[in-house]
Amino acid sequence: MSTVDVLPSVTPAEAQAAVAAGAMLLDVREYQEWMAGRVAGAIHVPMHDLPGRLDEIPRDRRIVCVCRSGNRSGQVTSWLLEQGYDAVNMTGGMRAWAADGLPFENMNGNPGAVI
């Protein structure tokens, strides 16, 4: 994955609004992180799997990328932009999402945790 000069980014609240308006939330964390806590409706494609699963990422919607802290998702955002996608990084990742009190849950539907 590579980088771009200026990485477009959104806050967790802006990400939530973008998803409500039709954007796709792409969670690039590892499986165990995803199972511990995820945003309802997010699509899970671990960062290392993305090149082989690119056909699952729509080109006609904004893609909001998220990980635990914003680092991996920033790399994915940069790479998706280079592939011609409309992608933005969610700053602070799921840590910021949780700190802002936004809803997320674990695999059993209970309140999620960020690991």
PDB file of N, CA and C in Angstrom:
ATOM      1  N   MET A   1       0.846  -1.165   0.000  1.00  0.00           N
ATOM      2  CA  MET A   1       0.000   0.000   0.000  1.00  0.00           C
ATOM      3  C   MET A   1       0.897   1.236   0.000  1.00  0.00           C
ATOM      4  N   SER A   2       0.432   2.293  -0.623  1.00  0.00           N
ATOM      5  CA  SER A   2       1.244   3.497  -0.743  1.00  0.00           C
ATOM      6  C   SER A   2       0.521   4.692  -0.135  1.00  0.00           C
ATOM      7  N   THR A   3       1.055   5.875  -0.371  1.00  0.00           N
ATOM      8  CA  THR A   3       0.469   7.067   0.215  1.00  0.00           C
ATOM      9  C   THR A   3       0.186   8.112  -0.850  1.00  0.00           C
ATOM     10  N   VAL A   4      -0.680   9.061  -0.529  1.00  0.00           N
ATOM     11  CA  VAL A   4      -0.954  10.216  -1.383  1.00  0.00           C
ATOM     12  C   VAL A   4      -0.560  11.452  -0.608  1.00  0.00           C
ATOM     13  N   ASP A   5      -0.455  12.598  -1.295  1.00  0.00           N
ATOM     14  CA  ASP A   5      -0.009  13.825  -0.648  1.00  0.00           C
ATOM     15  C   ASP A   5      -0.940  14.273   0.476  1.00  0.00           C
ATOM     16  N   VAL A   6      -2.212  14.388   0.180  1.00  0.00           N
ATOM     17  CA  VAL A   6      -3.190  14.833   1.183  1.00  0.00           C
ATOM     18  C   VAL A   6      -4.274  13.767   1.272  1.00  0.00           C
ATOM     19  N   LEU A   7      -4.326  13.113   2.404  1.00  0.00           N
ATOM     20  CA  LEU A   7      -5.278  12.033   2.584  1.00  0.00           C
ATOM     21  C   LEU A   7      -6.621  12.592   3.040  1.00  0.00           C
ATOM     22  N   PRO A   8      -7.680  12.407   2.246  1.00  0.00           N
ATOM     23  CA  PRO A   8      -8.988  12.878   2.695  1.00  0.00           C
ATOM     24  C   PRO A   8      -9.439  12.093   3.919  1.00  0.00           C
ATOM     25  N   SER A   9      -9.986  12.790   4.892  1.00  0.00           N
ATOM     26  CA  SER A   9     -10.389  12.122   6.125  1.00  0.00           C
ATOM     27  C   SER A   9     -11.675  12.726   6.667  1.00  0.00           C
ATOM     28  N   VAL A  10     -12.328  11.943   7.522  1.00  0.00           N
ATOM     29  CA  VAL A  10     -13.559  12.355   8.186  1.00  0.00           C
ATOM     30  C   VAL A  10     -13.463  11.966   9.651  1.00  0.00           C
ATOM     31  N   THR A  11     -14.194  12.671  10.486  1.00  0.00           N
ATOM     32  CA  THR A  11     -14.310  12.323  11.893  1.00  0.00           C
ATOM     33  C   THR A  11     -15.291  11.148  12.023  1.00  0.00           C
ATOM     34  N   PRO A  12     -15.356  10.505  13.169  1.00  0.00           N
ATOM     35  CA  PRO A  12     -16.358   9.452  13.345  1.00  0.00           C
ATOM     36  C   PRO A  12     -17.791   9.950  13.097  1.00  0.00           C
ATOM     37  N   ALA A  13     -18.136  11.118  13.586  1.00  0.00           N
ATOM     38  CA  ALA A  13     -19.491  11.642  13.359  1.00  0.00           C
ATOM     39  C   ALA A  13     -19.739  11.893  11.878  1.00  0.00           C
ATOM     40  N   GLU A  14     -18.725  12.404  11.177  1.00  0.00           N
ATOM     41  CA  GLU A  14     -18.866  12.620   9.731  1.00  0.00           C
ATOM     42  C   GLU A  14     -18.962  11.285   8.998  1.00  0.00           C
ATOM     43  N   ALA A  15     -18.234  10.283   9.476  1.00  0.00           N
ATOM     44  CA  ALA A  15     -18.318   8.946   8.874  1.00  0.00           C
ATOM     45  C   ALA A  15     -19.715   8.376   9.053  1.00  0.00           C
ATOM     46  N   GLN A  16     -20.257   8.517  10.246  1.00  0.00           N
ATOM     47  CA  GLN A  16     -21.608   8.022  10.517  1.00  0.00           C
ATOM     48  C   GLN A  16     -22.617   8.707   9.588  1.00  0.00           C
ATOM     49  N   ALA A  17     -22.487  10.015   9.409  1.00  0.00           N
ATOM     50  CA  ALA A  17     -23.383  10.756   8.517  1.00  0.00           C
ATOM     51  C   ALA A  17     -23.197  10.319   7.067  1.00  0.00           C
ATOM     52  N   ALA A  18     -21.952  10.086   6.653  1.00  0.00           N
ATOM     53  CA  ALA A  18     -21.689   9.648   5.274  1.00  0.00           C
ATOM     54  C   ALA A  18     -22.328   8.293   5.007  1.00  0.00           C
ATOM     55  N   VAL A  19     -22.231   7.382   5.977  1.00  0.00           N
ATOM     56  CA  VAL A  19     -22.838   6.067   5.823  1.00  0.00           C
ATOM     57  C   VAL A  19     -24.360   6.206   5.752  1.00  0.00           C
ATOM     58  N   ALA A  20     -24.937   7.058   6.577  1.00  0.00           N
ATOM     59  CA  ALA A  20     -26.381   7.290   6.541  1.00  0.00           C
ATOM     60  C   ALA A  20     -26.814   7.846   5.187  1.00  0.00           C
ATOM     61  N   ALA A  21     -25.900   8.562   4.520  1.00  0.00           N
ATOM     62  CA  ALA A  21     -26.195   9.147   3.216  1.00  0.00           C
ATOM     63  C   ALA A  21     -25.853   8.203   2.063  1.00  0.00           C
ATOM     64  N   GLY A  22     -25.374   6.976   2.367  1.00  0.00           N
ATOM     65  CA  GLY A  22     -25.139   5.995   1.319  1.00  0.00           C
ATOM     66  C   GLY A  22     -23.708   5.528   1.133  1.00  0.00           C
ATOM     67  N   ALA A  23     -22.770   6.070   1.882  1.00  0.00           N
ATOM     68  CA  ALA A  23     -21.386   5.608   1.776  1.00  0.00           C
ATOM     69  C   ALA A  23     -21.254   4.209   2.364  1.00  0.00           C
ATOM     70  N   MET A  24     -20.205   3.517   1.967  1.00  0.00           N
ATOM     71  CA  MET A  24     -19.906   2.196   2.513  1.00  0.00           C
ATOM     72  C   MET A  24     -18.824   2.330   3.568  1.00  0.00           C
ATOM     73  N   LEU A  25     -19.033   1.735   4.740  1.00  0.00           N
ATOM     74  CA  LEU A  25     -18.022   1.708   5.784  1.00  0.00           C
ATOM     75  C   LEU A  25     -17.230   0.419   5.619  1.00  0.00           C
ATOM     76  N   LEU A  26     -15.944   0.558   5.307  1.00  0.00           N
ATOM     77  CA  LEU A  26     -15.060  -0.571   5.071  1.00  0.00           C
ATOM     78  C   LEU A  26     -14.129  -0.740   6.262  1.00  0.00           C
ATOM     79  N   ASP A  27     -14.325  -1.817   7.003  1.00  0.00           N
ATOM     80  CA  ASP A  27     -13.515  -2.109   8.185  1.00  0.00           C
ATOM     81  C   ASP A  27     -12.378  -3.027   7.766  1.00  0.00           C
ATOM     82  N   VAL A  28     -11.130  -2.543   7.900  1.00  0.00           N
ATOM     83  CA  VAL A  28      -9.967  -3.288   7.408  1.00  0.00           C
ATOM     84  C   VAL A  28      -9.177  -3.963   8.529  1.00  0.00           C
ATOM     85  N   ARG A  29      -9.760  -4.052   9.725  1.00  0.00           N
ATOM     86  CA  ARG A  29      -9.075  -4.682  10.858  1.00  0.00           C
ATOM     87  C   ARG A  29      -9.022  -6.198  10.690  1.00  0.00           C
ATOM     88  N   GLU A  30      -8.269  -6.832  11.564  1.00  0.00           N
ATOM     89  CA  GLU A  30      -8.176  -8.289  11.581  1.00  0.00           C
ATOM     90  C   GLU A  30      -9.464  -8.892  12.148  1.00  0.00           C
ATOM     91  N   TYR A  31      -9.661 -10.184  11.886  1.00  0.00           N
ATOM     92  CA  TYR A  31     -10.891 -10.874  12.259  1.00  0.00           C
ATOM     93  C   TYR A  31     -11.218 -10.740  13.742  1.00  0.00           C
ATOM     94  N   GLN A  32     -10.244 -10.953  14.618  1.00  0.00           N
ATOM     95  CA  GLN A  32     -10.527 -10.905  16.057  1.00  0.00           C
ATOM     96  C   GLN A  32     -10.928  -9.498  16.497  1.00  0.00           C
ATOM     97  N   GLU A  33     -10.375  -8.479  15.864  1.00  0.00           N
ATOM     98  CA  GLU A  33     -10.767  -7.100  16.172  1.00  0.00           C
ATOM     99  C   GLU A  33     -12.215  -6.866  15.739  1.00  0.00           C
ATOM    100  N   TRP A  34     -12.553  -7.327  14.557  1.00  0.00           N
ATOM    101  CA  TRP A  34     -13.898  -7.208  13.991  1.00  0.00           C
ATOM    102  C   TRP A  34     -14.923  -7.913  14.880  1.00  0.00           C
ATOM    103  N   MET A  35     -14.592  -9.115  15.368  1.00  0.00           N
ATOM    104  CA  MET A  35     -15.525  -9.868  16.182  1.00  0.00           C
ATOM    105  C   MET A  35     -15.768  -9.203  17.539  1.00  0.00           C
ATOM    106  N   ALA A  36     -14.768  -8.503  18.062  1.00  0.00           N
ATOM    107  CA  ALA A  36     -14.892  -7.846  19.366  1.00  0.00           C
ATOM    108  C   ALA A  36     -15.803  -6.626  19.318  1.00  0.00           C
ATOM    109  N   GLY A  37     -15.850  -5.957  18.170  1.00  0.00           N
ATOM    110  CA  GLY A  37     -16.703  -4.782  18.063  1.00  0.00           C
ATOM    111  C   GLY A  37     -16.687  -4.204  16.672  1.00  0.00           C
ATOM    112  N   ARG A  38     -17.885  -4.013  16.117  1.00  0.00           N
ATOM    113  CA  ARG A  38     -17.992  -3.459  14.767  1.00  0.00           C
ATOM    114  C   ARG A  38     -19.245  -2.620  14.642  1.00  0.00           C
ATOM    115  N   VAL A  39     -19.223  -1.760  13.660  1.00  0.00           N
ATOM    116  CA  VAL A  39     -20.354  -0.889  13.374  1.00  0.00           C
ATOM    117  C   VAL A  39     -21.351  -1.675  12.529  1.00  0.00           C
ATOM    118  N   ALA A  40     -22.606  -1.629  12.904  1.00  0.00           N
ATOM    119  CA  ALA A  40     -23.644  -2.313  12.135  1.00  0.00           C
ATOM    120  C   ALA A  40     -23.612  -1.830  10.690  1.00  0.00           C
ATOM    121  N   GLY A  41     -23.638  -2.774   9.776  1.00  0.00           N
ATOM    122  CA  GLY A  41     -23.644  -2.451   8.355  1.00  0.00           C
ATOM    123  C   GLY A  41     -22.269  -2.306   7.719  1.00  0.00           C
ATOM    124  N   ALA A  42     -21.224  -2.282   8.530  1.00  0.00           N
ATOM    125  CA  ALA A  42     -19.877  -2.181   7.970  1.00  0.00           C
ATOM    126  C   ALA A  42     -19.529  -3.466   7.218  1.00  0.00           C
ATOM    127  N   ILE A  43     -18.690  -3.326   6.215  1.00  0.00           N
ATOM    128  CA  ILE A  43     -18.199  -4.460   5.449  1.00  0.00           C
ATOM    129  C   ILE A  43     -16.787  -4.758   5.940  1.00  0.00           C
ATOM    130  N   HIS A  44     -16.516  -6.014   6.243  1.00  0.00           N
ATOM    131  CA  HIS A  44     -15.211  -6.405   6.774  1.00  0.00           C
ATOM    132  C   HIS A  44     -14.360  -7.045   5.683  1.00  0.00           C
ATOM    133  N   VAL A  45     -13.266  -6.383   5.353  1.00  0.00           N
ATOM    134  CA  VAL A  45     -12.249  -6.937   4.462  1.00  0.00           C
ATOM    135  C   VAL A  45     -10.904  -6.577   5.084  1.00  0.00           C
ATOM    136  N   PRO A  46     -10.227  -7.532   5.729  1.00  0.00           N
ATOM    137  CA  PRO A  46      -8.934  -7.218   6.331  1.00  0.00           C
ATOM    138  C   PRO A  46      -7.979  -6.612   5.300  1.00  0.00           C
ATOM    139  N   MET A  47      -7.153  -5.705   5.757  1.00  0.00           N
ATOM    140  CA  MET A  47      -6.242  -4.977   4.875  1.00  0.00           C
ATOM    141  C   MET A  47      -5.463  -5.914   3.949  1.00  0.00           C
ATOM    142  N   HIS A  48      -4.914  -6.979   4.482  1.00  0.00           N
ATOM    143  CA  HIS A  48      -4.088  -7.874   3.666  1.00  0.00           C
ATOM    144  C   HIS A  48      -4.899  -8.646   2.630  1.00  0.00           C
ATOM    145  N   ASP A  49      -6.220  -8.737   2.799  1.00  0.00           N
ATOM    146  CA  ASP A  49      -7.082  -9.434   1.844  1.00  0.00           C
ATOM    147  C   ASP A  49      -7.619  -8.526   0.744  1.00  0.00           C
ATOM    148  N   LEU A  50      -7.513  -7.235   0.923  1.00  0.00           N
ATOM    149  CA  LEU A  50      -8.178  -6.297   0.023  1.00  0.00           C
ATOM    150  C   LEU A  50      -7.802  -6.452  -1.446  1.00  0.00           C
ATOM    151  N   PRO A  51      -6.521  -6.563  -1.816  1.00  0.00           N
ATOM    152  CA  PRO A  51      -6.232  -6.685  -3.250  1.00  0.00           C
ATOM    153  C   PRO A  51      -6.957  -7.846  -3.931  1.00  0.00           C
ATOM    154  N   GLY A  52      -7.128  -8.945  -3.242  1.00  0.00           N
ATOM    155  CA  GLY A  52      -7.819 -10.090  -3.809  1.00  0.00           C
ATOM    156  C   GLY A  52      -9.336 -10.013  -3.732  1.00  0.00           C
ATOM    157  N   ARG A  53      -9.846  -9.027  -3.010  1.00  0.00           N
ATOM    158  CA  ARG A  53     -11.299  -8.896  -2.836  1.00  0.00           C
ATOM    159  C   ARG A  53     -11.812  -7.548  -3.333  1.00  0.00           C
ATOM    160  N   LEU A  54     -11.035  -6.915  -4.181  1.00  0.00           N
ATOM    161  CA  LEU A  54     -11.383  -5.575  -4.663  1.00  0.00           C
ATOM    162  C   LEU A  54     -12.727  -5.543  -5.380  1.00  0.00           C
ATOM    163  N   ASP A  55     -13.129  -6.665  -5.963  1.00  0.00           N
ATOM    164  CA  ASP A  55     -14.415  -6.712  -6.662  1.00  0.00           C
ATOM    165  C   ASP A  55     -15.594  -6.544  -5.701  1.00  0.00           C
ATOM    166  N   GLU A  56     -15.373  -6.642  -4.395  1.00  0.00           N
ATOM    167  CA  GLU A  56     -16.436  -6.449  -3.400  1.00  0.00           C
ATOM    168  C   GLU A  56     -16.617  -4.978  -3.027  1.00  0.00           C
ATOM    169  N   ILE A  57     -15.738  -4.124  -3.515  1.00  0.00           N
ATOM    170  CA  ILE A  57     -15.772  -2.706  -3.164  1.00  0.00           C
ATOM    171  C   ILE A  57     -16.418  -1.937  -4.310  1.00  0.00           C
ATOM    172  N   PRO A  58     -17.563  -1.307  -4.048  1.00  0.00           N
ATOM    173  CA  PRO A  58     -18.264  -0.604  -5.128  1.00  0.00           C
ATOM    174  C   PRO A  58     -17.537   0.669  -5.572  1.00  0.00           C
ATOM    175  N   ARG A  59     -17.578   0.924  -6.853  1.00  0.00           N
ATOM    176  CA  ARG A  59     -16.961   2.135  -7.398  1.00  0.00           C
ATOM    177  C   ARG A  59     -17.937   3.307  -7.455  1.00  0.00           C
ATOM    178  N   ASP A  60     -19.210   3.044  -7.224  1.00  0.00           N
ATOM    179  CA  ASP A  60     -20.220   4.091  -7.354  1.00  0.00           C
ATOM    180  C   ASP A  60     -20.653   4.682  -6.014  1.00  0.00           C
ATOM    181  N   ARG A  61     -19.902   4.409  -4.957  1.00  0.00           N
ATOM    182  CA  ARG A  61     -20.208   4.944  -3.625  1.00  0.00           C
ATOM    183  C   ARG A  61     -18.921   5.418  -2.977  1.00  0.00           C
ATOM    184  N   ARG A  62     -19.046   6.362  -2.072  1.00  0.00           N
ATOM    185  CA  ARG A  62     -17.892   6.760  -1.262  1.00  0.00           C
ATOM    186  C   ARG A  62     -17.565   5.612  -0.314  1.00  0.00           C
ATOM    187  N   ILE A  63     -16.278   5.367  -0.116  1.00  0.00           N
ATOM    188  CA  ILE A  63     -15.812   4.327   0.787  1.00  0.00           C
ATOM    189  C   ILE A  63     -15.157   5.011   1.986  1.00  0.00           C
ATOM    190  N   VAL A  64     -15.697   4.771   3.172  1.00  0.00           N
ATOM    191  CA  VAL A  64     -15.121   5.288   4.412  1.00  0.00           C
ATOM    192  C   VAL A  64     -14.344   4.139   5.035  1.00  0.00           C
ATOM    193  N   CYS A  65     -13.024   4.290   5.127  1.00  0.00           N
ATOM    194  CA  CYS A  65     -12.156   3.225   5.632  1.00  0.00           C
ATOM    195  C   CYS A  65     -11.913   3.412   7.124  1.00  0.00           C
ATOM    196  N   VAL A  66     -11.954   2.306   7.869  1.00  0.00           N
ATOM    197  CA  VAL A  66     -11.759   2.355   9.315  1.00  0.00           C
ATOM    198  C   VAL A  66     -10.922   1.164   9.775  1.00  0.00           C
ATOM    199  N   CYS A  67     -10.091   1.410  10.782  1.00  0.00           N
ATOM    200  CA  CYS A  67      -9.343   0.357  11.469  1.00  0.00           C
ATOM    201  C   CYS A  67      -9.402   0.683  12.962  1.00  0.00           C
ATOM    202  N   ARG A  68      -8.445   0.255  13.736  1.00  0.00           N
ATOM    203  CA  ARG A  68      -8.456   0.541  15.172  1.00  0.00           C
ATOM    204  C   ARG A  68      -8.078   1.986  15.462  1.00  0.00           C
ATOM    205  N   SER A  69      -7.018   2.485  14.809  1.00  0.00           N
ATOM    206  CA  SER A  69      -6.515   3.826  15.146  1.00  0.00           C
ATOM    207  C   SER A  69      -6.497   4.808  13.982  1.00  0.00           C
ATOM    208  N   GLY A  70      -6.680   4.336  12.771  1.00  0.00           N
ATOM    209  CA  GLY A  70      -6.622   5.194  11.593  1.00  0.00           C
ATOM    210  C   GLY A  70      -5.382   5.007  10.744  1.00  0.00           C
ATOM    211  N   ASN A  71      -4.423   4.213  11.213  1.00  0.00           N
ATOM    212  CA  ASN A  71      -3.188   4.003  10.451  1.00  0.00           C
ATOM    213  C   ASN A  71      -3.383   3.036   9.279  1.00  0.00           C
ATOM    214  N   ARG A  72      -3.860   1.841   9.549  1.00  0.00           N
ATOM    215  CA  ARG A  72      -4.091   0.872   8.460  1.00  0.00           C
ATOM    216  C   ARG A  72      -5.130   1.399   7.487  1.00  0.00           C
ATOM    217  N   SER A  73      -6.193   1.983   8.025  1.00  0.00           N
ATOM    218  CA  SER A  73      -7.236   2.500   7.137  1.00  0.00           C
ATOM    219  C   SER A  73      -6.721   3.662   6.289  1.00  0.00           C
ATOM    220  N   GLY A  74      -5.760   4.415   6.818  1.00  0.00           N
ATOM    221  CA  GLY A  74      -5.144   5.471   6.019  1.00  0.00           C
ATOM    222  C   GLY A  74      -4.377   4.901   4.843  1.00  0.00           C
ATOM    223  N   GLN A  75      -3.662   3.812   5.072  1.00  0.00           N
ATOM    224  CA  GLN A  75      -2.944   3.151   3.980  1.00  0.00           C
ATOM    225  C   GLN A  75      -3.916   2.605   2.943  1.00  0.00           C
ATOM    226  N   VAL A  76      -5.006   2.018   3.406  1.00  0.00           N
ATOM    227  CA  VAL A  76      -6.020   1.486   2.489  1.00  0.00           C
ATOM    228  C   VAL A  76      -6.670   2.619   1.713  1.00  0.00           C
ATOM    229  N   THR A  77      -6.987   3.715   2.393  1.00  0.00           N
ATOM    230  CA  THR A  77      -7.583   4.863   1.709  1.00  0.00           C
ATOM    231  C   THR A  77      -6.681   5.340   0.581  1.00  0.00           C
ATOM    232  N   SER A  78      -5.414   5.502   0.875  1.00  0.00           N
ATOM    233  CA  SER A  78      -4.452   5.943  -0.126  1.00  0.00           C
ATOM    234  C   SER A  78      -4.428   4.991  -1.320  1.00  0.00           C
ATOM    235  N   TRP A  79      -4.383   3.700  -1.040  1.00  0.00           N
ATOM    236  CA  TRP A  79      -4.336   2.699  -2.105  1.00  0.00           C
ATOM    237  C   TRP A  79      -5.616   2.712  -2.933  1.00  0.00           C
ATOM    238  N   LEU A  80      -6.771   2.812  -2.266  1.00  0.00           N
ATOM    239  CA  LEU A  80      -8.039   2.858  -3.002  1.00  0.00           C
ATOM    240  C   LEU A  80      -8.122   4.096  -3.889  1.00  0.00           C
ATOM    241  N   LEU A  81      -7.644   5.225  -3.388  1.00  0.00           N
ATOM    242  CA  LEU A  81      -7.627   6.444  -4.209  1.00  0.00           C
ATOM    243  C   LEU A  81      -6.802   6.221  -5.472  1.00  0.00           C
ATOM    244  N   GLU A  82      -5.661   5.565  -5.329  1.00  0.00           N
ATOM    245  CA  GLU A  82      -4.818   5.284  -6.488  1.00  0.00           C
ATOM    246  C   GLU A  82      -5.492   4.327  -7.472  1.00  0.00           C
ATOM    247  N   GLN A  83      -6.428   3.522  -6.986  1.00  0.00           N
ATOM    248  CA  GLN A  83      -7.172   2.596  -7.845  1.00  0.00           C
ATOM    249  C   GLN A  83      -8.404   3.263  -8.459  1.00  0.00           C
ATOM    250  N   GLY A  84      -8.633   4.534  -8.144  1.00  0.00           N
ATOM    251  CA  GLY A  84      -9.754   5.269  -8.731  1.00  0.00           C
ATOM    252  C   GLY A  84     -11.020   5.300  -7.899  1.00  0.00           C
ATOM    253  N   TYR A  85     -10.957   4.882  -6.643  1.00  0.00           N
ATOM    254  CA  TYR A  85     -12.120   4.900  -5.763  1.00  0.00           C
ATOM    255  C   TYR A  85     -12.257   6.246  -5.075  1.00  0.00           C
ATOM    256  N   ASP A  86     -13.473   6.570  -4.680  1.00  0.00           N
ATOM    257  CA  ASP A  86     -13.748   7.748  -3.848  1.00  0.00           C
ATOM    258  C   ASP A  86     -13.668   7.273  -2.406  1.00  0.00           C
ATOM    259  N   ALA A  87     -12.499   7.424  -1.794  1.00  0.00           N
ATOM    260  CA  ALA A  87     -12.269   6.877  -0.457  1.00  0.00           C
ATOM    261  C   ALA A  87     -11.802   7.959   0.504  1.00  0.00           C
ATOM    262  N   VAL A  88     -12.202   7.804   1.770  1.00  0.00           N
ATOM    263  CA  VAL A  88     -11.754   8.683   2.844  1.00  0.00           C
ATOM    264  C   VAL A  88     -11.388   7.837   4.056  1.00  0.00           C
ATOM    265  N   ASN A  89     -10.489   8.353   4.860  1.00  0.00           N
ATOM    266  CA  ASN A  89     -10.059   7.675   6.074  1.00  0.00           C
ATOM    267  C   ASN A  89     -10.813   8.252   7.268  1.00  0.00           C
ATOM    268  N   MET A  90     -11.262   7.378   8.176  1.00  0.00           N
ATOM    269  CA  MET A  90     -11.876   7.859   9.408  1.00  0.00           C
ATOM    270  C   MET A  90     -10.762   8.063  10.436  1.00  0.00           C
ATOM    271  N   THR A  91     -10.523   9.311  10.799  1.00  0.00           N
ATOM    272  CA  THR A  91      -9.450   9.631  11.741  1.00  0.00           C
ATOM    273  C   THR A  91      -9.739   9.035  13.114  1.00  0.00           C
ATOM    274  N   GLY A  92      -8.703   8.503  13.714  1.00  0.00           N
ATOM    275  CA  GLY A  92      -8.822   7.942  15.056  1.00  0.00           C
ATOM    276  C   GLY A  92      -9.374   6.541  15.118  1.00  0.00           C
ATOM    277  N   GLY A  93      -9.889   6.041  14.014  1.00  0.00           N
ATOM    278  CA  GLY A  93     -10.388   4.674  13.938  1.00  0.00           C
ATOM    279  C   GLY A  93     -11.484   4.349  14.945  1.00  0.00           C
ATOM    280  N   MET A  94     -11.598   3.060  15.246  1.00  0.00           N
ATOM    281  CA  MET A  94     -12.628   2.602  16.173  1.00  0.00           C
ATOM    282  C   MET A  94     -12.391   3.114  17.588  1.00  0.00           C
ATOM    283  N   ARG A  95     -11.152   3.441  17.912  1.00  0.00           N
ATOM    284  CA  ARG A  95     -10.899   4.055  19.224  1.00  0.00           C
ATOM    285  C   ARG A  95     -11.648   5.374  19.327  1.00  0.00           C
ATOM    286  N   ALA A  96     -11.573   6.190  18.281  1.00  0.00           N
ATOM    287  CA  ALA A  96     -12.272   7.479  18.280  1.00  0.00           C
ATOM    288  C   ALA A  96     -13.784   7.271  18.222  1.00  0.00           C
ATOM    289  N   TRP A  97     -14.235   6.295  17.440  1.00  0.00           N
ATOM    290  CA  TRP A  97     -15.669   5.983  17.344  1.00  0.00           C
ATOM    291  C   TRP A  97     -16.213   5.667  18.746  1.00  0.00           C
ATOM    292  N   ALA A  98     -15.513   4.794  19.464  1.00  0.00           N
ATOM    293  CA  ALA A  98     -15.940   4.411  20.814  1.00  0.00           C
ATOM    294  C   ALA A  98     -15.868   5.595  21.767  1.00  0.00           C
ATOM    295  N   ALA A  99     -14.803   6.385  21.692  1.00  0.00           N
ATOM    296  CA  ALA A  99     -14.642   7.544  22.578  1.00  0.00           C
ATOM    297  C   ALA A  99     -15.741   8.574  22.360  1.00  0.00           C
ATOM    298  N   ASP A 100     -16.248   8.649  21.130  1.00  0.00           N
ATOM    299  CA  ASP A 100     -17.345   9.577  20.826  1.00  0.00           C
ATOM    300  C   ASP A 100     -18.701   9.023  21.227  1.00  0.00           C
ATOM    301  N   GLY A 101     -18.733   7.799  21.751  1.00  0.00           N
ATOM    302  CA  GLY A 101     -19.986   7.205  22.209  1.00  0.00           C
ATOM    303  C   GLY A 101     -20.897   6.732  21.096  1.00  0.00           C
ATOM    304  N   LEU A 102     -20.343   6.519  19.899  1.00  0.00           N
ATOM    305  CA  LEU A 102     -21.160   6.055  18.780  1.00  0.00           C
ATOM    306  C   LEU A 102     -21.400   4.551  18.911  1.00  0.00           C
ATOM    307  N   PRO A 103     -22.513   4.060  18.392  1.00  0.00           N
ATOM    308  CA  PRO A 103     -22.885   2.659  18.621  1.00  0.00           C
ATOM    309  C   PRO A 103     -22.045   1.664  17.822  1.00  0.00           C
ATOM    310  N   PHE A 104     -21.664   0.582  18.496  1.00  0.00           N
ATOM    311  CA  PHE A 104     -21.058  -0.574  17.844  1.00  0.00           C
ATOM    312  C   PHE A 104     -21.251  -1.773  18.754  1.00  0.00           C
ATOM    313  N   GLU A 105     -21.176  -2.960  18.163  1.00  0.00           N
ATOM    314  CA  GLU A 105     -21.491  -4.164  18.920  1.00  0.00           C
ATOM    315  C   GLU A 105     -20.522  -5.289  18.585  1.00  0.00           C
ATOM    316  N   ASN A 106     -20.522  -6.310  19.461  1.00  0.00           N
ATOM    317  CA  ASN A 106     -19.683  -7.478  19.199  1.00  0.00           C
ATOM    318  C   ASN A 106     -20.467  -8.504  18.395  1.00  0.00           C
ATOM    319  N   MET A 107     -19.872  -9.656  18.173  1.00  0.00           N
ATOM    320  CA  MET A 107     -20.505 -10.687  17.335  1.00  0.00           C
ATOM    321  C   MET A 107     -21.810 -11.212  17.911  1.00  0.00           C
ATOM    322  N   ASN A 108     -22.045 -11.030  19.223  1.00  0.00           N
ATOM    323  CA  ASN A 108     -23.269 -11.494  19.866  1.00  0.00           C
ATOM    324  C   ASN A 108     -24.322 -10.416  20.003  1.00  0.00           C
ATOM    325  N   GLY A 109     -24.049  -9.242  19.459  1.00  0.00           N
ATOM    326  CA  GLY A 109     -24.997  -8.143  19.556  1.00  0.00           C
ATOM    327  C   GLY A 109     -24.910  -7.352  20.845  1.00  0.00           C
ATOM    328  N   ASN A 110     -23.888  -7.630  21.660  1.00  0.00           N
ATOM    329  CA  ASN A 110     -23.657  -6.878  22.898  1.00  0.00           C
ATOM    330  C   ASN A 110     -22.763  -5.681  22.616  1.00  0.00           C
ATOM    331  N   PRO A 111     -22.657  -4.751  23.562  1.00  0.00           N
ATOM    332  CA  PRO A 111     -21.782  -3.604  23.335  1.00  0.00           C
ATOM    333  C   PRO A 111     -20.374  -4.063  22.942  1.00  0.00           C
ATOM    334  N   GLY A 112     -19.819  -3.394  21.937  1.00  0.00           N
ATOM    335  CA  GLY A 112     -18.526  -3.787  21.400  1.00  0.00           C
ATOM    336  C   GLY A 112     -17.361  -3.286  22.219  1.00  0.00           C
ATOM    337  N   ALA A 113     -16.198  -3.865  21.937  1.00  0.00           N
ATOM    338  CA  ALA A 113     -14.924  -3.452  22.543  1.00  0.00           C
ATOM    339  C   ALA A 113     -13.932  -3.222  21.413  1.00  0.00           C
ATOM    340  N   VAL A 114     -13.007  -2.321  21.628  1.00  0.00           N
ATOM    341  CA  VAL A 114     -11.937  -2.084  20.662  1.00  0.00           C
ATOM    342  C   VAL A 114     -10.687  -2.762  21.208  1.00  0.00           C
ATOM    343  N   ILE A 115     -10.194  -3.751  20.462  1.00  0.00           N
ATOM    344  CA  ILE A 115      -8.995  -4.483  20.896  1.00  0.00           C
ATOM    345  C   ILE A 115      -7.879  -4.266  19.907  1.00  0.00           C
TER     346      ILE A 115
END
